[in-house]
């Protein structure tokens, strides 16, 4: 099913931030992958919360309260892990 998207450029430069908004109601979710790509960064923001992905592999997760919940194993792996 095709859906039209409206692109809103906030700056005239080629690498400017871009907003993407559906021009109509989105279809029901499908059990497929959704891929978003950007050269500089991708930010998903809702109120005081955000997730930002950078091309160097860094992921910034920000919020007033962050919950990590798993029914099975919840693993944190890294070259170095700092708590508090």
PDB file of N, CA and C in Angstrom:
ATOM      1  N   UNK A   1       0.835  -1.168   0.000  1.00  0.00           N
ATOM      2  CA  UNK A   1       0.000   0.000   0.000  1.00  0.00           C
ATOM      3  C   UNK A   1       0.884   1.237   0.000  1.00  0.00           C
ATOM      4  N   UNK A   2       0.689   2.123  -0.954  1.00  0.00           N
ATOM      5  CA  UNK A   2       1.487   3.336  -1.041  1.00  0.00           C
ATOM      6  C   UNK A   2       0.886   4.435  -0.186  1.00  0.00           C
ATOM      7  N   UNK A   3       1.759   5.304   0.338  1.00  0.00           N
ATOM      8  CA  UNK A   3       1.300   6.446   1.116  1.00  0.00           C
ATOM      9  C   UNK A   3       2.169   7.629   0.763  1.00  0.00           C
ATOM     10  N   UNK A   4       1.560   8.785   0.552  1.00  0.00           N
ATOM     11  CA  UNK A   4       2.315   9.983   0.246  1.00  0.00           C
ATOM     12  C   UNK A   4       2.840  10.608   1.524  1.00  0.00           C
ATOM     13  N   UNK A   5       4.062  11.166   1.460  1.00  0.00           N
ATOM     14  CA  UNK A   5       4.650  11.873   2.588  1.00  0.00           C
ATOM     15  C   UNK A   5       4.957  13.288   2.158  1.00  0.00           C
ATOM     16  N   UNK A   6       4.805  14.226   3.075  1.00  0.00           N
ATOM     17  CA  UNK A   6       5.104  15.618   2.811  1.00  0.00           C
ATOM     18  C   UNK A   6       6.435  15.948   3.471  1.00  0.00           C
ATOM     19  N   UNK A   7       7.399  16.488   2.718  1.00  0.00           N
ATOM     20  CA  UNK A   7       8.705  16.865   3.257  1.00  0.00           C
ATOM     21  C   UNK A   7       8.722  18.360   3.509  1.00  0.00           C
ATOM     22  N   UNK A   8       9.107  18.755   4.717  1.00  0.00           N
ATOM     23  CA  UNK A   8       9.185  20.159   5.087  1.00  0.00           C
ATOM     24  C   UNK A   8      10.629  20.487   5.421  1.00  0.00           C
ATOM     25  N   UNK A   9      11.289  21.309   4.605  1.00  0.00           N
ATOM     26  CA  UNK A   9      12.681  21.679   4.846  1.00  0.00           C
ATOM     27  C   UNK A   9      12.722  22.910   5.733  1.00  0.00           C
ATOM     28  N   UNK A  10      13.457  22.810   6.845  1.00  0.00           N
ATOM     29  CA  UNK A  10      13.537  23.933   7.765  1.00  0.00           C
ATOM     30  C   UNK A  10      14.606  24.942   7.344  1.00  0.00           C
ATOM     31  N   UNK A  11      15.566  24.513   6.517  1.00  0.00           N
ATOM     32  CA  UNK A  11      16.628  25.386   6.017  1.00  0.00           C
ATOM     33  C   UNK A  11      16.845  25.060   4.543  1.00  0.00           C
ATOM     34  N   UNK A  12      17.302  26.011   3.745  1.00  0.00           N
ATOM     35  CA  UNK A  12      17.506  25.728   2.323  1.00  0.00           C
ATOM     36  C   UNK A  12      18.751  24.895   2.011  1.00  0.00           C
ATOM     37  N   UNK A  13      19.665  24.700   2.977  1.00  0.00           N
ATOM     38  CA  UNK A  13      20.879  23.935   2.710  1.00  0.00           C
ATOM     39  C   UNK A  13      20.538  22.475   2.441  1.00  0.00           C
ATOM     40  N   UNK A  14      21.394  21.807   1.688  1.00  0.00           N
ATOM     41  CA  UNK A  14      21.156  20.405   1.316  1.00  0.00           C
ATOM     42  C   UNK A  14      21.165  19.476   2.522  1.00  0.00           C
ATOM     43  N   UNK A  15      21.955  19.787   3.549  1.00  0.00           N
ATOM     44  CA  UNK A  15      22.044  18.899   4.711  1.00  0.00           C
ATOM     45  C   UNK A  15      21.201  19.399   5.886  1.00  0.00           C
ATOM     46  N   UNK A  16      20.204  20.231   5.604  1.00  0.00           N
ATOM     47  CA  UNK A  16      19.367  20.813   6.650  1.00  0.00           C
ATOM     48  C   UNK A  16      18.468  19.768   7.294  1.00  0.00           C
ATOM     49  N   UNK A  17      17.990  20.083   8.486  1.00  0.00           N
ATOM     50  CA  UNK A  17      17.043  19.197   9.168  1.00  0.00           C
ATOM     51  C   UNK A  17      15.762  19.109   8.354  1.00  0.00           C
ATOM     52  N   UNK A  18      15.172  17.936   8.324  1.00  0.00           N
ATOM     53  CA  UNK A  18      13.972  17.711   7.538  1.00  0.00           C
ATOM     54  C   UNK A  18      12.895  17.081   8.398  1.00  0.00           C
ATOM     55  N   UNK A  19      11.665  17.560   8.247  1.00  0.00           N
ATOM     56  CA  UNK A  19      10.520  16.953   8.916  1.00  0.00           C
ATOM     57  C   UNK A  19       9.738  16.164   7.891  1.00  0.00           C
ATOM     58  N   UNK A  20       9.277  14.989   8.278  1.00  0.00           N
ATOM     59  CA  UNK A  20       8.470  14.162   7.387  1.00  0.00           C
ATOM     60  C   UNK A  20       7.134  13.933   8.073  1.00  0.00           C
ATOM     61  N   UNK A  21       6.046  14.270   7.384  1.00  0.00           N
ATOM     62  CA  UNK A  21       4.718  14.097   7.972  1.00  0.00           C
ATOM     63  C   UNK A  21       3.796  13.451   6.954  1.00  0.00           C
ATOM     64  N   UNK A  22       3.007  12.462   7.384  1.00  0.00           N
ATOM     65  CA  UNK A  22       2.057  11.857   6.454  1.00  0.00           C
ATOM     66  C   UNK A  22       1.002  12.872   6.043  1.00  0.00           C
ATOM     67  N   UNK A  23       0.560  12.815   4.789  1.00  0.00           N
ATOM     68  CA  UNK A  23      -0.470  13.726   4.314  1.00  0.00           C
ATOM     69  C   UNK A  23      -1.859  13.185   4.597  1.00  0.00           C
ATOM     70  N   UNK A  24      -1.942  11.964   5.086  1.00  0.00           N
ATOM     71  CA  UNK A  24      -3.228  11.372   5.450  1.00  0.00           C
ATOM     72  C   UNK A  24      -2.999  10.414   6.614  1.00  0.00           C
ATOM     73  N   UNK A  25      -4.055   9.793   7.097  1.00  0.00           N
ATOM     74  CA  UNK A  25      -3.919   8.835   8.190  1.00  0.00           C
ATOM     75  C   UNK A  25      -3.022   7.675   7.767  1.00  0.00           C
ATOM     76  N   UNK A  26      -2.059   7.280   8.618  1.00  0.00           N
ATOM     77  CA  UNK A  26      -1.189   6.157   8.256  1.00  0.00           C
ATOM     78  C   UNK A  26      -1.973   4.849   8.240  1.00  0.00           C
ATOM     79  N   UNK A  27      -1.554   3.915   7.398  1.00  0.00           N
ATOM     80  CA  UNK A  27      -2.222   2.613   7.370  1.00  0.00           C
ATOM     81  C   UNK A  27      -1.908   1.829   8.640  1.00  0.00           C
ATOM     82  N   UNK A  28      -2.617   0.757   8.860  1.00  0.00           N
ATOM     83  CA  UNK A  28      -2.366  -0.102  10.018  1.00  0.00           C
ATOM     84  C   UNK A  28      -0.929  -0.607   9.964  1.00  0.00           C
ATOM     85  N   UNK A  29      -0.269  -0.785  11.128  1.00  0.00           N
ATOM     86  CA  UNK A  29       1.114  -1.271  11.143  1.00  0.00           C
ATOM     87  C   UNK A  29       1.248  -2.625  10.445  1.00  0.00           C
ATOM     88  N   UNK A  30       2.373  -2.785   9.769  1.00  0.00           N
ATOM     89  CA  UNK A  30       2.657  -4.031   9.074  1.00  0.00           C
ATOM     90  C   UNK A  30       3.844  -4.691   9.754  1.00  0.00           C
ATOM     91  N   UNK A  31       3.919  -5.990   9.711  1.00  0.00           N
ATOM     92  CA  UNK A  31       5.014  -6.734  10.340  1.00  0.00           C
ATOM     93  C   UNK A  31       6.230  -6.729   9.430  1.00  0.00           C
ATOM     94  N   UNK A  32       6.738  -5.541   9.116  1.00  0.00           N
ATOM     95  CA  UNK A  32       7.923  -5.396   8.270  1.00  0.00           C
ATOM     96  C   UNK A  32       8.849  -4.363   8.893  1.00  0.00           C
ATOM     97  N   UNK A  33      10.038  -4.248   8.356  1.00  0.00           N
ATOM     98  CA  UNK A  33      11.034  -3.306   8.855  1.00  0.00           C
ATOM     99  C   UNK A  33      10.796  -1.914   8.283  1.00  0.00           C
ATOM    100  N   UNK A  34      11.004  -0.881   9.100  1.00  0.00           N
ATOM    101  CA  UNK A  34      10.959   0.506   8.663  1.00  0.00           C
ATOM    102  C   UNK A  34      12.380   1.049   8.776  1.00  0.00           C
ATOM    103  N   UNK A  35      12.950   1.516   7.685  1.00  0.00           N
ATOM    104  CA  UNK A  35      14.323   2.014   7.677  1.00  0.00           C
ATOM    105  C   UNK A  35      14.302   3.512   7.410  1.00  0.00           C
ATOM    106  N   UNK A  36      14.923   4.286   8.300  1.00  0.00           N
ATOM    107  CA  UNK A  36      15.109   5.722   8.120  1.00  0.00           C
ATOM    108  C   UNK A  36      16.605   5.956   8.029  1.00  0.00           C
ATOM    109  N   UNK A  37      17.047   6.698   7.040  1.00  0.00           N
ATOM    110  CA  UNK A  37      18.477   6.959   6.879  1.00  0.00           C
ATOM    111  C   UNK A  37      18.736   8.453   6.781  1.00  0.00           C
ATOM    112  N   UNK A  38      19.847   8.876   7.379  1.00  0.00           N
ATOM    113  CA  UNK A  38      20.278  10.267   7.303  1.00  0.00           C
ATOM    114  C   UNK A  38      21.794  10.302   7.370  1.00  0.00           C
ATOM    115  N   UNK A  39      22.404  11.309   6.751  1.00  0.00           N
ATOM    116  CA  UNK A  39      23.866  11.423   6.774  1.00  0.00           C
ATOM    117  C   UNK A  39      24.378  11.943   8.110  1.00  0.00           C
ATOM    118  N   UNK A  40      23.661  12.871   8.745  1.00  0.00           N
ATOM    119  CA  UNK A  40      24.178  13.520   9.947  1.00  0.00           C
ATOM    120  C   UNK A  40      23.636  12.909  11.231  1.00  0.00           C
ATOM    121  N   UNK A  41      22.335  12.839  11.391  1.00  0.00           N
ATOM    122  CA  UNK A  41      21.747  12.234  12.585  1.00  0.00           C
ATOM    123  C   UNK A  41      20.249  12.069  12.396  1.00  0.00           C
ATOM    124  N   UNK A  42      19.666  11.183  13.215  1.00  0.00           N
ATOM    125  CA  UNK A  42      18.221  10.988  13.250  1.00  0.00           C
ATOM    126  C   UNK A  42      17.791  11.178  14.696  1.00  0.00           C
ATOM    127  N   UNK A  43      16.800  12.030  14.928  1.00  0.00           N
ATOM    128  CA  UNK A  43      16.280  12.248  16.274  1.00  0.00           C
ATOM    129  C   UNK A  43      14.791  11.955  16.292  1.00  0.00           C
ATOM    130  N   UNK A  44      14.392  11.138  17.252  1.00  0.00           N
ATOM    131  CA  UNK A  44      12.989  10.853  17.518  1.00  0.00           C
ATOM    132  C   UNK A  44      12.669  11.560  18.828  1.00  0.00           C
ATOM    133  N   UNK A  45      11.729  12.524  18.791  1.00  0.00           N
ATOM    134  CA  UNK A  45      11.466  13.342  19.969  1.00  0.00           C
ATOM    135  C   UNK A  45       9.974  13.355  20.299  1.00  0.00           C
ATOM    136  N   UNK A  46       9.683  13.268  21.604  1.00  0.00           N
ATOM    137  CA  UNK A  46       8.311  13.373  22.100  1.00  0.00           C
ATOM    138  C   UNK A  46       8.378  14.072  23.455  1.00  0.00           C
ATOM    139  N   UNK A  47       7.926  15.308  23.531  1.00  0.00           N
ATOM    140  CA  UNK A  47       7.983  16.064  24.785  1.00  0.00           C
ATOM    141  C   UNK A  47       9.403  16.214  25.281  1.00  0.00           C
ATOM    142  N   UNK A  48       9.681  15.753  26.511  1.00  0.00           N
ATOM    143  CA  UNK A  48      11.014  15.870  27.107  1.00  0.00           C
ATOM    144  C   UNK A  48      11.901  14.665  26.812  1.00  0.00           C
ATOM    145  N   UNK A  49      11.429  13.739  25.987  1.00  0.00           N
ATOM    146  CA  UNK A  49      12.180  12.515  25.683  1.00  0.00           C
ATOM    147  C   UNK A  49      12.722  12.555  24.265  1.00  0.00           C
ATOM    148  N   UNK A  50      13.898  11.956  24.065  1.00  0.00           N
ATOM    149  CA  UNK A  50      14.441  11.860  22.707  1.00  0.00           C
ATOM    150  C   UNK A  50      15.430  10.707  22.586  1.00  0.00           C
ATOM    151  N   UNK A  51      15.522  10.196  21.376  1.00  0.00           N
ATOM    152  CA  UNK A  51      16.532   9.207  20.996  1.00  0.00           C
ATOM    153  C   UNK A  51      17.220   9.782  19.768  1.00  0.00           C
ATOM    154  N   UNK A  52      18.542   9.931  19.820  1.00  0.00           N
ATOM    155  CA  UNK A  52      19.293  10.464  18.688  1.00  0.00           C
ATOM    156  C   UNK A  52      20.327   9.437  18.247  1.00  0.00           C
ATOM    157  N   UNK A  53      20.358   9.156  16.949  1.00  0.00           N
ATOM    158  CA  UNK A  53      21.315   8.223  16.351  1.00  0.00           C
ATOM    159  C   UNK A  53      22.326   9.020  15.538  1.00  0.00           C
ATOM    160  N   UNK A  54      23.607   8.740  15.736  1.00  0.00           N
ATOM    161  CA  UNK A  54      24.689   9.422  15.028  1.00  0.00           C
ATOM    162  C   UNK A  54      25.385   8.442  14.090  1.00  0.00           C
ATOM    163  N   UNK A  55      25.980   8.923  12.998  1.00  0.00           N
ATOM    164  CA  UNK A  55      26.620   8.023  12.036  1.00  0.00           C
ATOM    165  C   UNK A  55      27.855   7.307  12.572  1.00  0.00           C
ATOM    166  N   UNK A  56      28.459   7.800  13.657  1.00  0.00           N
ATOM    167  CA  UNK A  56      29.642   7.142  14.223  1.00  0.00           C
ATOM    168  C   UNK A  56      29.279   5.982  15.148  1.00  0.00           C
ATOM    169  N   UNK A  57      27.978   5.679  15.280  1.00  0.00           N
ATOM    170  CA  UNK A  57      27.537   4.574  16.121  1.00  0.00           C
ATOM    171  C   UNK A  57      27.035   4.994  17.489  1.00  0.00           C
ATOM    172  N   UNK A  58      27.170   6.273  17.842  1.00  0.00           N
ATOM    173  CA  UNK A  58      26.707   6.771  19.137  1.00  0.00           C
ATOM    174  C   UNK A  58      25.181   6.864  19.129  1.00  0.00           C
ATOM    175  N   UNK A  59      24.567   6.479  20.247  1.00  0.00           N
ATOM    176  CA  UNK A  59      23.125   6.611  20.440  1.00  0.00           C
ATOM    177  C   UNK A  59      22.915   7.383  21.734  1.00  0.00           C
ATOM    178  N   UNK A  60      22.194   8.499  21.673  1.00  0.00           N
ATOM    179  CA  UNK A  60      21.897   9.293  22.860  1.00  0.00           C
ATOM    180  C   UNK A  60      20.427   9.104  23.211  1.00  0.00           C
ATOM    181  N   UNK A  61      20.182   8.589  24.416  1.00  0.00           N
ATOM    182  CA  UNK A  61      18.836   8.345  24.923  1.00  0.00           C
ATOM    183  C   UNK A  61      18.612   9.309  26.082  1.00  0.00           C
ATOM    184  N   UNK A  62      17.621  10.208  25.954  1.00  0.00           N
ATOM    185  CA  UNK A  62      17.402  11.230  26.980  1.00  0.00           C
ATOM    186  C   UNK A  62      15.944  11.209  27.441  1.00  0.00           C
ATOM    187  N   UNK A  63      15.749  11.394  28.739  1.00  0.00           N
ATOM    188  CA  UNK A  63      14.397  11.457  29.270  1.00  0.00           C
ATOM    189  C   UNK A  63      14.416  11.688  30.767  1.00  0.00           C
ATOM    190  N   UNK A  64      13.297  12.091  31.314  1.00  0.00           N
ATOM    191  CA  UNK A  64      13.195  12.308  32.757  1.00  0.00           C
ATOM    192  C   UNK A  64      13.201  10.980  33.502  1.00  0.00           C
ATOM    193  N   UNK A  65      12.672   9.933  32.888  1.00  0.00           N
ATOM    194  CA  UNK A  65      12.598   8.603  33.494  1.00  0.00           C
ATOM    195  C   UNK A  65      12.821   7.598  32.373  1.00  0.00           C
ATOM    196  N   UNK A  66      13.786   6.712  32.518  1.00  0.00           N
ATOM    197  CA  UNK A  66      14.085   5.714  31.490  1.00  0.00           C
ATOM    198  C   UNK A  66      13.890   4.340  32.103  1.00  0.00           C
ATOM    199  N   UNK A  67      13.083   3.526  31.465  1.00  0.00           N
ATOM    200  CA  UNK A  67      12.767   2.190  31.944  1.00  0.00           C
ATOM    201  C   UNK A  67      13.330   1.161  30.978  1.00  0.00           C
ATOM    202  N   UNK A  68      14.067   0.210  31.506  1.00  0.00           N
ATOM    203  CA  UNK A  68      14.538  -0.932  30.732  1.00  0.00           C
ATOM    204  C   UNK A  68      13.892  -2.162  31.346  1.00  0.00           C
ATOM    205  N   UNK A  69      13.051  -2.851  30.595  1.00  0.00           N
ATOM    206  CA  UNK A  69      12.254  -3.949  31.129  1.00  0.00           C
ATOM    207  C   UNK A  69      12.358  -5.145  30.192  1.00  0.00           C
ATOM    208  N   UNK A  70      12.574  -6.313  30.751  1.00  0.00           N
ATOM    209  CA  UNK A  70      12.667  -7.526  29.939  1.00  0.00           C
ATOM    210  C   UNK A  70      12.059  -8.693  30.696  1.00  0.00           C
ATOM    211  N   UNK A  71      11.353  -9.553  29.988  1.00  0.00           N
ATOM    212  CA  UNK A  71      10.843 -10.776  30.606  1.00  0.00           C
ATOM    213  C   UNK A  71      11.952 -11.810  30.710  1.00  0.00           C
ATOM    214  N   UNK A  72      12.912 -11.736  29.800  1.00  0.00           N
ATOM    215  CA  UNK A  72      14.062 -12.626  29.834  1.00  0.00           C
ATOM    216  C   UNK A  72      15.287 -11.848  30.285  1.00  0.00           C
ATOM    217  N   UNK A  73      16.445 -12.258  29.823  1.00  0.00           N
ATOM    218  CA  UNK A  73      17.715 -11.625  30.165  1.00  0.00           C
ATOM    219  C   UNK A  73      17.764 -10.191  29.647  1.00  0.00           C
ATOM    220  N   UNK A  74      18.173  -9.264  30.493  1.00  0.00           N
ATOM    221  CA  UNK A  74      18.372  -7.866  30.110  1.00  0.00           C
ATOM    222  C   UNK A  74      19.863  -7.605  30.245  1.00  0.00           C
ATOM    223  N   UNK A  75      20.571  -7.554  29.137  1.00  0.00           N
ATOM    224  CA  UNK A  75      22.031  -7.519  29.146  1.00  0.00           C
ATOM    225  C   UNK A  75      22.541  -6.136  28.748  1.00  0.00           C
ATOM    226  N   UNK A  76      23.558  -5.655  29.463  1.00  0.00           N
ATOM    227  CA  UNK A  76      24.270  -4.433  29.104  1.00  0.00           C
ATOM    228  C   UNK A  76      25.696  -4.845  28.791  1.00  0.00           C
ATOM    229  N   UNK A  77      26.135  -4.595  27.572  1.00  0.00           N
ATOM    230  CA  UNK A  77      27.471  -4.990  27.139  1.00  0.00           C
ATOM    231  C   UNK A  77      28.169  -3.768  26.560  1.00  0.00           C
ATOM    232  N   UNK A  78      29.421  -3.558  26.922  1.00  0.00           N
ATOM    233  CA  UNK A  78      30.178  -2.447  26.373  1.00  0.00           C
ATOM    234  C   UNK A  78      31.633  -2.562  26.760  1.00  0.00           C
ATOM    235  N   UNK A  79      32.489  -1.852  26.045  1.00  0.00           N
ATOM    236  CA  UNK A  79      33.900  -1.832  26.384  1.00  0.00           C
ATOM    237  C   UNK A  79      34.096  -1.331  27.804  1.00  0.00           C
ATOM    238  N   UNK A  80      33.236  -0.392  28.212  1.00  0.00           N
ATOM    239  CA  UNK A  80      33.244   0.134  29.575  1.00  0.00           C
ATOM    240  C   UNK A  80      31.809   0.506  29.913  1.00  0.00           C
ATOM    241  N   UNK A  81      31.332   0.127  31.090  1.00  0.00           N
ATOM    242  CA  UNK A  81      29.975   0.448  31.530  1.00  0.00           C
ATOM    243  C   UNK A  81      30.075   1.244  32.818  1.00  0.00           C
ATOM    244  N   UNK A  82      29.484   2.453  32.838  1.00  0.00           N
ATOM    245  CA  UNK A  82      29.497   3.292  34.030  1.00  0.00           C
ATOM    246  C   UNK A  82      28.081   3.389  34.573  1.00  0.00           C
ATOM    247  N   UNK A  83      27.924   3.165  35.870  1.00  0.00           N
ATOM    248  CA  UNK A  83      26.647   3.338  36.546  1.00  0.00           C
ATOM    249  C   UNK A  83      26.817   4.416  37.601  1.00  0.00           C
ATOM    250  N   UNK A  84      25.984   5.435  37.525  1.00  0.00           N
ATOM    251  CA  UNK A  84      26.046   6.591  38.438  1.00  0.00           C
ATOM    252  C   UNK A  84      27.428   7.191  38.393  1.00  0.00           C
TER     253      UNK A  84
END
